[in-house]
Amino acid sequence: MFDLDLWREIVQSINKNRTRSLLSGFTVAFAILLFTILFGIANGLQNTFKEAFGTDANNSIVIFSGRTSKANKGLQAGRKIQFKNEDRQFILDEYGDKVQFITSKVNKSASASYKGEKGNYELRGVHPEYMFIENNVIDKGRYINQQDIDNKTKVVVIGKVVEDDLFFKENAIGKYINLSGIPYKIVGVFTDDEGDSEESVIYMPISTTQFLYGNNDFVDLIHLTYNPELNNDQALSFGTDLTKSLKERFSVAQSDQRAIRLFNMAEGTKQVEIMTMSLTFIILIIGFGTLIAGIVGVSNIMIFIVKERTKEIGIRKALGASPKSIVSIILLESILITAIAGYVGLLVGVGVLELVGPSLKEYFIKDPGVSNSLVIGATITLIVAGAIAGYLPAKKASQIKPIVALRND
């Protein structure tokens, strides 16, 4: 049951000993303040690392072809490696269980026009799976589908910037856009969080691109995402095996680094994870060191408080106060001061991060912040520490005989 008199007495005790209470509270508030700022900065650095990967799938692998730099199996150096549609199927046949999405890709540039409005844009011939690799978001209409691929349909999906440039406020869906003299029906408009550069792109079925711009089955590169269940080491191993298989398929020396090149996002992801783990470990050491310093400070102050109140404890016992009630008063006072000070430290820390956050971008710290659960957990830790710090000396003092406590100097 809530004891109003008990809490009134605690508040009066805090008010009577303001300096003591302020010192105790400052120790806690400062510890939580530093803890909040340190972890906020750490999270800001992690956000920067994540942003460096953009919104593209972070489990992607891009395979490029080039020219051989070494002779192999009677074939001369300088031979051009040309990927074809069948190579995509080869990868699926060999590594289907490790592939999530895969597309071949043909890159072109095209002059686009609509009712007198013109612009030059990047044209990409892709499979429908590319939408999930690039993480495009359909704003209107639809994306390319398998039927478009099979029928070599003259349809395109345009980025939001292309729509704004050529159509202004007019709805582009269903309209025909002229690309280098050939009309294509617009079936979709997409957006991309990476900004204008990615929204200034036009997608069409890869089969249509190959038929109209070369009448062949050549592709410029192959882009895939590996099975998300693979960890970084497994993904790196998959990339190595894939490179080896393709080199064997094209009779390329395994030591040739130019003929077939593979960019595996797992390499960057692993480096980021190592950096993030190292940073988090360092911040944890510093953060918990700060908390320990706060705990030691609270403990020392509580020991001093109990010693200072020895005579008061003796008077209370002489008047019939039970050891339990004496311990409760000191314990609750300690918890109240720690909780209020911890909350103030949290508010100040969050406020500092909000205030200086925008200016930290130039130091590669993006949106610094800290989860409430983490800081609340740290505050609870200090409260528990404060309670223990107050309990142990209070328990000892409550067991002193009144006459001994009253004689204490």
Protein backbone atom coordinates (compact mmCIF):
# COMPACT_ATOMS: atom_id res chain seq x y z
CA MET A 1 0.00 0.00 0.00
CA PHE A 2 1.20 3.50 -0.83
CA ASP A 3 2.48 5.21 2.32
CA LEU A 4 2.11 8.98 1.83
CA ASP A 5 3.88 9.83 5.08
CA LEU A 6 6.87 7.72 4.11
CA TRP A 7 7.26 9.46 0.75
CA ARG A 8 6.73 12.88 2.34
CA GLU A 9 9.54 12.10 4.74
CA ILE A 10 11.80 10.99 1.88
CA VAL A 11 11.14 14.20 -0.08
CA GLN A 12 11.81 16.28 3.05
CA SER A 13 15.09 14.44 3.61
CA ILE A 14 16.17 15.10 0.00
CA ASN A 15 15.18 18.76 0.26
CA LYS A 16 17.01 19.15 3.58
CA ASN A 17 20.21 17.69 2.14
CA ARG A 18 20.21 19.32 -1.29
CA THR A 19 23.96 19.34 -1.82
CA ARG A 20 24.23 15.65 -0.99
CA SER A 21 21.28 14.80 -3.24
CA LEU A 22 22.61 16.94 -6.11
CA LEU A 23 26.03 15.29 -5.96
CA SER A 24 24.48 11.84 -5.98
CA GLY A 25 22.11 12.77 -8.83
CA PHE A 26 24.83 14.47 -10.88
CA THR A 27 26.95 11.32 -10.84
CA VAL A 28 24.07 9.26 -12.22
CA ALA A 29 22.91 11.87 -14.75
CA PHE A 30 26.42 12.37 -16.11
CA ALA A 31 26.94 8.61 -16.51
CA ILE A 32 23.66 8.20 -18.43
CA LEU A 33 24.41 11.32 -20.49
CA LEU A 34 27.78 9.96 -21.65
CA PHE A 35 26.31 6.51 -22.21
CA THR A 36 23.56 7.97 -24.44
CA ILE A 37 25.91 10.14 -26.50
CA LEU A 38 28.48 7.37 -27.02
CA PHE A 39 25.93 4.83 -28.23
CA GLY A 40 24.19 7.49 -30.32
CA ILE A 41 27.42 8.24 -32.17
CA ALA A 42 28.07 4.51 -32.64
CA ASN A 43 24.61 4.06 -34.18
CA GLY A 44 25.24 7.08 -36.42
CA LEU A 45 28.40 5.45 -37.79
CA GLN A 46 26.50 2.22 -38.41
CA ASN A 47 23.85 4.18 -40.33
CA THR A 48 26.61 5.67 -42.48
CA PHE A 49 27.96 2.21 -43.30
CA LYS A 50 24.48 0.98 -44.22
CA GLU A 51 23.81 4.01 -46.42
CA ALA A 52 27.01 3.33 -48.35
CA PHE A 53 25.31 0.20 -49.72
CA GLY A 54 22.26 2.19 -50.88
CA THR A 55 18.89 0.51 -51.07
CA ASP A 56 20.02 -2.22 -53.46
CA ALA A 57 19.89 -5.77 -52.20
CA ASN A 58 22.83 -6.28 -49.82
CA ASN A 59 23.21 -9.91 -50.89
CA SER A 60 23.95 -9.19 -54.54
CA ILE A 61 26.68 -10.46 -56.85
CA VAL A 62 27.54 -8.80 -60.17
CA ILE A 63 29.51 -10.74 -62.79
CA PHE A 64 31.41 -8.78 -65.46
CA SER A 65 33.18 -10.07 -68.54
CA GLY A 66 36.38 -8.68 -70.05
CA ARG A 67 39.36 -9.86 -72.05
CA THR A 68 41.76 -12.64 -71.11
CA SER A 69 45.15 -11.54 -69.87
CA LYS A 70 46.73 -15.00 -70.10
CA ALA A 71 46.87 -17.75 -72.69
CA ASN A 72 45.08 -20.95 -71.71
CA LYS A 73 44.43 -24.31 -73.38
CA GLY A 74 45.91 -23.14 -76.68
CA LEU A 75 43.83 -19.93 -76.69
CA GLN A 76 45.66 -16.62 -76.91
CA ALA A 77 45.57 -13.78 -74.43
CA GLY A 78 43.39 -10.80 -75.31
CA ARG A 79 40.38 -12.95 -76.17
CA LYS A 80 37.05 -11.22 -75.43
CA ILE A 81 34.66 -13.06 -73.14
CA GLN A 82 31.05 -12.55 -74.15
CA PHE A 83 28.20 -13.63 -71.90
CA LYS A 84 25.00 -14.94 -73.48
CA ASN A 85 21.51 -15.84 -72.30
CA GLU A 86 22.55 -19.46 -71.83
CA ASP A 87 25.08 -18.45 -69.18
CA ARG A 88 22.30 -17.26 -66.91
CA GLN A 89 20.66 -20.66 -67.25
CA PHE A 90 24.01 -22.35 -66.60
CA ILE A 91 24.28 -20.58 -63.24
CA LEU A 92 20.72 -21.60 -62.34
CA ASP A 93 21.40 -25.22 -63.29
CA GLU A 94 24.64 -25.37 -61.30
CA TYR A 95 23.76 -23.23 -58.27
CA GLY A 96 19.97 -22.95 -58.24
CA ASP A 97 19.71 -23.61 -54.49
CA LYS A 98 22.09 -20.75 -53.74
CA VAL A 99 20.48 -18.20 -56.07
CA GLN A 100 17.57 -16.06 -54.93
CA PHE A 101 17.04 -13.80 -58.00
CA ILE A 102 19.05 -13.57 -61.20
CA THR A 103 18.95 -11.45 -64.32
CA SER A 104 21.05 -10.87 -67.37
CA LYS A 105 21.47 -7.23 -68.28
CA VAL A 106 22.06 -5.19 -71.42
CA ASN A 107 22.97 -1.53 -71.02
CA LYS A 108 22.21 1.05 -73.69
CA SER A 109 21.63 4.76 -73.92
CA ALA A 110 18.60 6.15 -75.71
CA SER A 111 17.15 9.46 -76.77
CA ALA A 112 13.56 9.55 -75.51
CA SER A 113 10.84 11.88 -76.73
CA TYR A 114 7.14 12.52 -76.16
CA LYS A 115 5.12 15.34 -77.78
CA GLY A 116 8.15 17.50 -78.40
CA GLU A 117 9.80 16.87 -75.03
CA LYS A 118 13.18 15.13 -75.29
CA GLY A 119 15.83 13.70 -73.03
CA ASN A 120 18.73 11.24 -72.97
CA TYR A 121 18.45 8.37 -70.53
CA GLU A 122 20.06 5.06 -69.64
CA LEU A 123 18.23 2.06 -71.11
CA ARG A 124 18.48 -1.30 -69.38
CA GLY A 125 17.28 -4.59 -70.78
CA VAL A 126 16.53 -6.90 -67.83
CA HIS A 127 14.50 -9.85 -66.58
CA PRO A 128 11.54 -9.33 -64.20
CA GLU A 129 13.68 -10.40 -61.23
CA TYR A 130 15.72 -7.23 -61.54
CA MET A 131 13.00 -5.33 -59.71
CA PHE A 132 13.83 -7.20 -56.50
CA ILE A 133 17.59 -6.92 -56.98
CA GLU A 134 17.49 -3.16 -57.52
CA ASN A 135 14.65 -2.72 -55.02
CA ASN A 136 12.59 -0.60 -57.39
CA VAL A 137 9.16 0.40 -56.11
CA ILE A 138 6.33 0.52 -58.65
CA ASP A 139 4.52 3.85 -58.32
CA LYS A 140 2.05 3.26 -61.16
CA GLY A 141 1.21 0.34 -63.43
CA ARG A 142 3.38 -2.78 -63.37
CA TYR A 143 6.90 -4.06 -63.93
CA ILE A 144 8.20 -6.18 -66.78
CA ASN A 145 6.87 -9.77 -66.66
CA GLN A 146 7.82 -13.10 -68.18
CA GLN A 147 5.24 -12.76 -70.94
CA ASP A 148 7.01 -9.60 -72.08
CA ILE A 149 10.27 -11.57 -72.23
CA ASP A 150 8.75 -14.46 -74.17
CA ASN A 151 6.99 -12.24 -76.72
CA LYS A 152 9.72 -9.59 -77.05
CA THR A 153 7.04 -7.02 -76.26
CA LYS A 154 7.77 -3.35 -76.94
CA VAL A 155 6.97 -2.12 -73.45
CA VAL A 156 9.00 -0.09 -70.97
CA VAL A 157 8.97 0.87 -67.32
CA ILE A 158 10.24 4.40 -66.71
CA GLY A 159 11.66 6.11 -63.65
CA LYS A 160 9.87 8.94 -61.89
CA VAL A 161 12.37 11.50 -63.20
CA VAL A 162 11.71 10.41 -66.80
CA GLU A 163 7.99 10.82 -66.25
CA ASP A 164 8.46 14.27 -64.75
CA ASP A 165 10.76 15.35 -67.60
CA LEU A 166 8.60 14.20 -70.49
CA PHE A 167 5.04 14.06 -69.20
CA PHE A 168 4.88 16.80 -66.54
CA LYS A 169 1.52 16.29 -64.78
CA GLU A 170 0.19 13.90 -67.42
CA ASN A 171 -0.18 10.22 -66.47
CA ALA A 172 2.41 8.27 -68.46
CA ILE A 173 0.76 4.84 -68.13
CA GLY A 174 -0.55 3.62 -71.48
CA LYS A 175 1.24 6.36 -73.43
CA TYR A 176 3.84 5.63 -76.13
CA ILE A 177 7.37 6.95 -75.74
CA ASN A 178 9.75 7.19 -78.68
CA LEU A 179 13.19 5.69 -78.05
CA SER A 180 15.67 6.39 -80.84
CA GLY A 181 12.87 6.23 -83.41
CA ILE A 182 11.02 3.20 -81.99
CA PRO A 183 7.71 3.59 -80.07
CA TYR A 184 7.27 1.71 -76.79
CA LYS A 185 4.22 1.49 -74.57
CA ILE A 186 4.75 2.61 -70.99
CA VAL A 187 3.34 0.00 -68.60
CA GLY A 188 4.85 1.21 -65.33
CA VAL A 189 6.52 4.06 -63.44
CA PHE A 190 8.95 3.28 -60.61
CA THR A 191 10.71 5.12 -57.80
CA ASP A 192 14.05 4.39 -56.18
CA ASP A 193 15.39 5.62 -52.84
CA GLU A 194 18.83 6.15 -54.37
CA GLY A 195 17.53 9.29 -56.03
CA ASP A 196 17.43 10.94 -59.43
CA SER A 197 20.27 8.94 -60.96
CA GLU A 198 18.36 5.67 -60.56
CA GLU A 199 15.01 7.23 -61.43
CA SER A 200 16.45 8.51 -64.74
CA VAL A 201 16.46 4.97 -66.11
CA ILE A 202 14.19 3.14 -68.55
CA TYR A 203 13.72 -0.64 -68.29
CA MET A 204 12.55 -2.95 -71.06
CA PRO A 205 12.43 -6.73 -71.56
CA ILE A 206 15.95 -8.00 -72.22
CA SER A 207 14.73 -10.06 -75.16
CA THR A 208 13.33 -6.91 -76.79
CA THR A 209 16.61 -5.07 -76.24
CA GLN A 210 18.63 -7.91 -77.76
CA PHE A 211 16.31 -8.23 -80.76
CA LEU A 212 16.10 -4.54 -81.62
CA TYR A 213 19.63 -3.47 -80.71
CA GLY A 214 21.80 -6.16 -82.26
CA ASN A 215 19.58 -9.16 -83.08
CA ASN A 216 21.67 -11.44 -80.84
CA ASP A 217 21.58 -13.06 -77.42
CA PHE A 218 24.58 -11.21 -75.98
CA VAL A 219 24.44 -9.71 -72.48
CA ASP A 220 26.72 -7.16 -70.81
CA LEU A 221 26.67 -8.62 -67.31
CA ILE A 222 24.83 -10.98 -64.99
CA HIS A 223 23.38 -9.73 -61.72
CA LEU A 224 22.06 -12.01 -59.00
CA THR A 225 21.28 -12.18 -55.31
CA TYR A 226 22.38 -15.18 -53.30
CA ASN A 227 20.19 -17.10 -50.88
CA PRO A 228 19.70 -14.87 -47.79
CA GLU A 229 20.17 -17.92 -45.58
CA LEU A 230 23.85 -18.01 -46.55
CA ASN A 231 26.14 -16.33 -44.06
CA ASN A 232 29.00 -14.10 -45.22
CA ASP A 233 31.57 -16.89 -45.35
CA GLN A 234 29.21 -19.16 -47.31
CA ALA A 235 28.36 -16.29 -49.69
CA LEU A 236 32.06 -15.61 -50.27
CA SER A 237 32.65 -19.31 -50.91
CA PHE A 238 29.73 -19.34 -53.34
CA GLY A 239 31.25 -16.39 -55.21
CA THR A 240 34.60 -18.16 -55.44
CA ASP A 241 33.00 -21.37 -56.75
CA LEU A 242 30.91 -19.40 -59.25
CA THR A 243 33.97 -17.59 -60.61
CA LYS A 244 35.86 -20.88 -60.92
CA SER A 245 32.98 -22.54 -62.80
CA LEU A 246 32.61 -19.66 -65.25
CA LYS A 247 36.33 -19.58 -65.93
CA GLU A 248 36.24 -23.30 -66.71
CA ARG A 249 33.19 -22.77 -68.94
CA PHE A 250 35.01 -20.11 -70.99
CA SER A 251 38.43 -21.81 -70.89
CA VAL A 252 39.96 -19.00 -68.85
CA ALA A 253 43.02 -19.54 -66.65
CA GLN A 254 42.07 -19.58 -62.97
CA SER A 255 44.80 -17.02 -62.27
CA ASP A 256 43.41 -14.62 -64.91
CA GLN A 257 41.86 -11.71 -63.03
CA ARG A 258 40.58 -9.72 -66.03
CA ALA A 259 38.53 -12.09 -68.13
CA ILE A 260 35.76 -12.69 -65.60
CA ARG A 261 35.38 -10.35 -62.64
CA LEU A 262 32.93 -10.79 -59.80
CA PHE A 263 31.77 -8.19 -57.30
CA ASN A 264 30.36 -9.88 -54.22
CA MET A 265 28.50 -7.64 -51.78
CA ALA A 266 29.32 -10.15 -49.03
CA GLU A 267 32.89 -8.83 -49.02
CA GLY A 268 31.74 -5.33 -48.16
CA THR A 269 29.12 -6.64 -45.76
CA LYS A 270 31.71 -8.68 -43.89
CA GLN A 271 34.07 -5.71 -43.61
CA VAL A 272 31.23 -3.51 -42.35
CA GLU A 273 30.21 -6.15 -39.80
CA ILE A 274 33.79 -6.40 -38.54
CA MET A 275 34.06 -2.63 -38.27
CA THR A 276 30.64 -2.38 -36.61
CA MET A 277 31.42 -5.15 -34.14
CA SER A 278 34.77 -3.56 -33.28
CA LEU A 279 33.17 -0.16 -32.86
CA THR A 280 30.34 -1.57 -30.76
CA PHE A 281 32.84 -3.44 -28.58
CA ILE A 282 34.86 -0.30 -27.98
CA ILE A 283 31.75 1.73 -27.22
CA LEU A 284 30.50 -1.00 -24.87
CA ILE A 285 33.76 -0.93 -22.93
CA ILE A 286 33.69 2.86 -22.68
CA GLY A 287 29.96 2.93 -21.97
CA PHE A 288 30.05 0.31 -19.26
CA GLY A 289 33.18 1.89 -17.84
CA THR A 290 31.14 5.08 -17.52
CA LEU A 291 28.34 3.16 -15.83
CA ILE A 292 30.77 1.51 -13.42
CA ALA A 293 32.19 4.91 -12.57
CA GLY A 294 28.63 6.08 -11.90
CA ILE A 295 27.93 3.03 -9.74
CA VAL A 296 31.11 3.60 -7.71
CA GLY A 297 30.17 7.24 -7.29
CA VAL A 298 26.66 6.40 -6.12
CA SER A 299 28.00 3.73 -3.76
CA ASN A 300 30.49 6.09 -2.13
CA ILE A 301 27.88 8.80 -1.70
CA MET A 302 25.36 6.34 -0.20
CA ILE A 303 27.94 5.04 2.27
CA PHE A 304 28.66 8.62 3.31
CA ILE A 305 24.93 9.38 3.57
CA VAL A 306 24.28 6.41 5.84
CA LYS A 307 27.26 7.25 8.03
CA GLU A 308 26.10 10.87 8.25
CA ARG A 309 22.65 9.72 9.36
CA THR A 310 23.85 7.28 12.04
CA LYS A 311 22.55 9.46 14.88
CA GLU A 312 19.25 9.91 13.07
CA ILE A 313 18.99 6.13 12.75
CA GLY A 314 19.69 5.79 16.47
CA ILE A 315 16.91 8.25 17.34
CA ARG A 316 14.48 6.43 15.05
CA LYS A 317 15.31 3.09 16.70
CA ALA A 318 14.97 4.63 20.16
CA LEU A 319 11.50 5.84 19.18
CA GLY A 320 10.53 2.34 18.11
CA ALA A 321 11.29 2.32 14.38
CA SER A 322 11.91 -1.17 13.01
CA PRO A 323 15.12 -2.00 11.09
CA LYS A 324 12.94 -2.67 8.03
CA SER A 325 11.45 0.83 8.04
CA ILE A 326 14.90 2.43 8.41
CA VAL A 327 16.27 0.45 5.49
CA SER A 328 13.19 1.29 3.40
CA ILE A 329 13.59 5.04 3.86
CA ILE A 330 17.25 5.07 2.82
CA LEU A 331 16.68 2.57 0.02
CA LEU A 332 13.72 4.42 -1.51
CA GLU A 333 15.57 7.73 -1.24
CA SER A 334 18.49 6.23 -3.16
CA ILE A 335 16.20 4.77 -5.84
CA LEU A 336 14.25 8.03 -6.23
CA ILE A 337 17.37 10.15 -6.69
CA THR A 338 18.91 7.66 -9.13
CA ALA A 339 15.73 7.32 -11.21
CA ILE A 340 15.13 11.07 -11.51
CA ALA A 341 18.78 11.81 -12.28
CA GLY A 342 18.93 8.96 -14.83
CA TYR A 343 15.88 10.30 -16.63
CA VAL A 344 17.35 13.80 -16.71
CA GLY A 345 20.61 12.42 -18.10
CA LEU A 346 18.66 10.54 -20.77
CA LEU A 347 16.72 13.64 -21.81
CA VAL A 348 19.86 15.77 -21.99
CA GLY A 349 21.73 13.10 -23.96
CA VAL A 350 18.92 12.69 -26.51
CA GLY A 351 18.65 16.47 -26.73
CA VAL A 352 22.38 16.82 -27.46
CA LEU A 353 22.17 14.17 -30.20
CA GLU A 354 19.16 15.93 -31.76
CA LEU A 355 20.93 19.29 -31.61
CA VAL A 356 24.30 18.31 -33.05
CA GLY A 357 23.09 15.40 -35.21
CA PRO A 358 22.78 17.36 -38.51
CA SER A 359 26.27 18.86 -38.15
CA LEU A 360 27.84 15.42 -37.64
CA LYS A 361 27.12 14.31 -41.22
CA GLU A 362 30.37 15.89 -42.37
CA TYR A 363 32.14 13.51 -39.97
CA PHE A 364 30.34 10.49 -41.51
CA ILE A 365 27.90 10.18 -38.62
CA LYS A 366 24.34 9.94 -39.96
CA ASP A 367 21.24 10.26 -37.78
CA PRO A 368 22.91 9.52 -34.42
CA GLY A 369 20.45 8.14 -31.94
CA VAL A 370 19.98 5.46 -29.35
CA SER A 371 17.13 3.11 -28.59
CA ASN A 372 15.11 3.88 -25.51
CA SER A 373 15.34 0.26 -24.36
CA LEU A 374 19.15 0.41 -24.21
CA VAL A 375 19.30 3.61 -22.19
CA ILE A 376 16.42 2.55 -19.94
CA GLY A 377 18.30 -0.68 -19.31
CA ALA A 378 21.40 1.31 -18.36
CA THR A 379 19.31 3.52 -16.07
CA ILE A 380 17.75 0.48 -14.39
CA THR A 381 21.26 -0.90 -13.88
CA LEU A 382 22.24 2.28 -12.08
CA ILE A 383 19.03 2.23 -10.05
CA VAL A 384 19.70 -1.35 -8.96
CA ALA A 385 23.29 -0.38 -8.17
CA GLY A 386 22.05 2.60 -6.19
CA ALA A 387 19.61 0.38 -4.32
CA ILE A 388 22.33 -2.12 -3.43
CA ALA A 389 24.70 0.71 -2.52
CA GLY A 390 22.09 2.12 -0.18
CA TYR A 391 20.86 -1.20 1.17
CA LEU A 392 24.13 -2.68 2.40
CA PRO A 393 25.23 0.22 4.64
CA ALA A 394 21.61 0.93 5.67
CA LYS A 395 21.15 -2.70 6.69
CA LYS A 396 24.34 -2.55 8.73
CA ALA A 397 23.34 0.76 10.35
CA SER A 398 19.85 -0.51 11.16
CA GLN A 399 21.37 -3.29 13.26
CA ILE A 400 23.32 -0.87 15.49
CA LYS A 401 21.98 -0.47 19.01
CA PRO A 402 20.36 2.95 19.60
CA ILE A 403 22.76 3.90 22.41
CA VAL A 404 25.79 3.16 20.19
CA ALA A 405 24.32 5.13 17.28
CA LEU A 406 23.58 8.14 19.48
CA ARG A 407 27.19 8.17 20.73
CA ASN A 408 28.56 8.15 17.15
CA ASP A 409 30.75 11.11 16.29
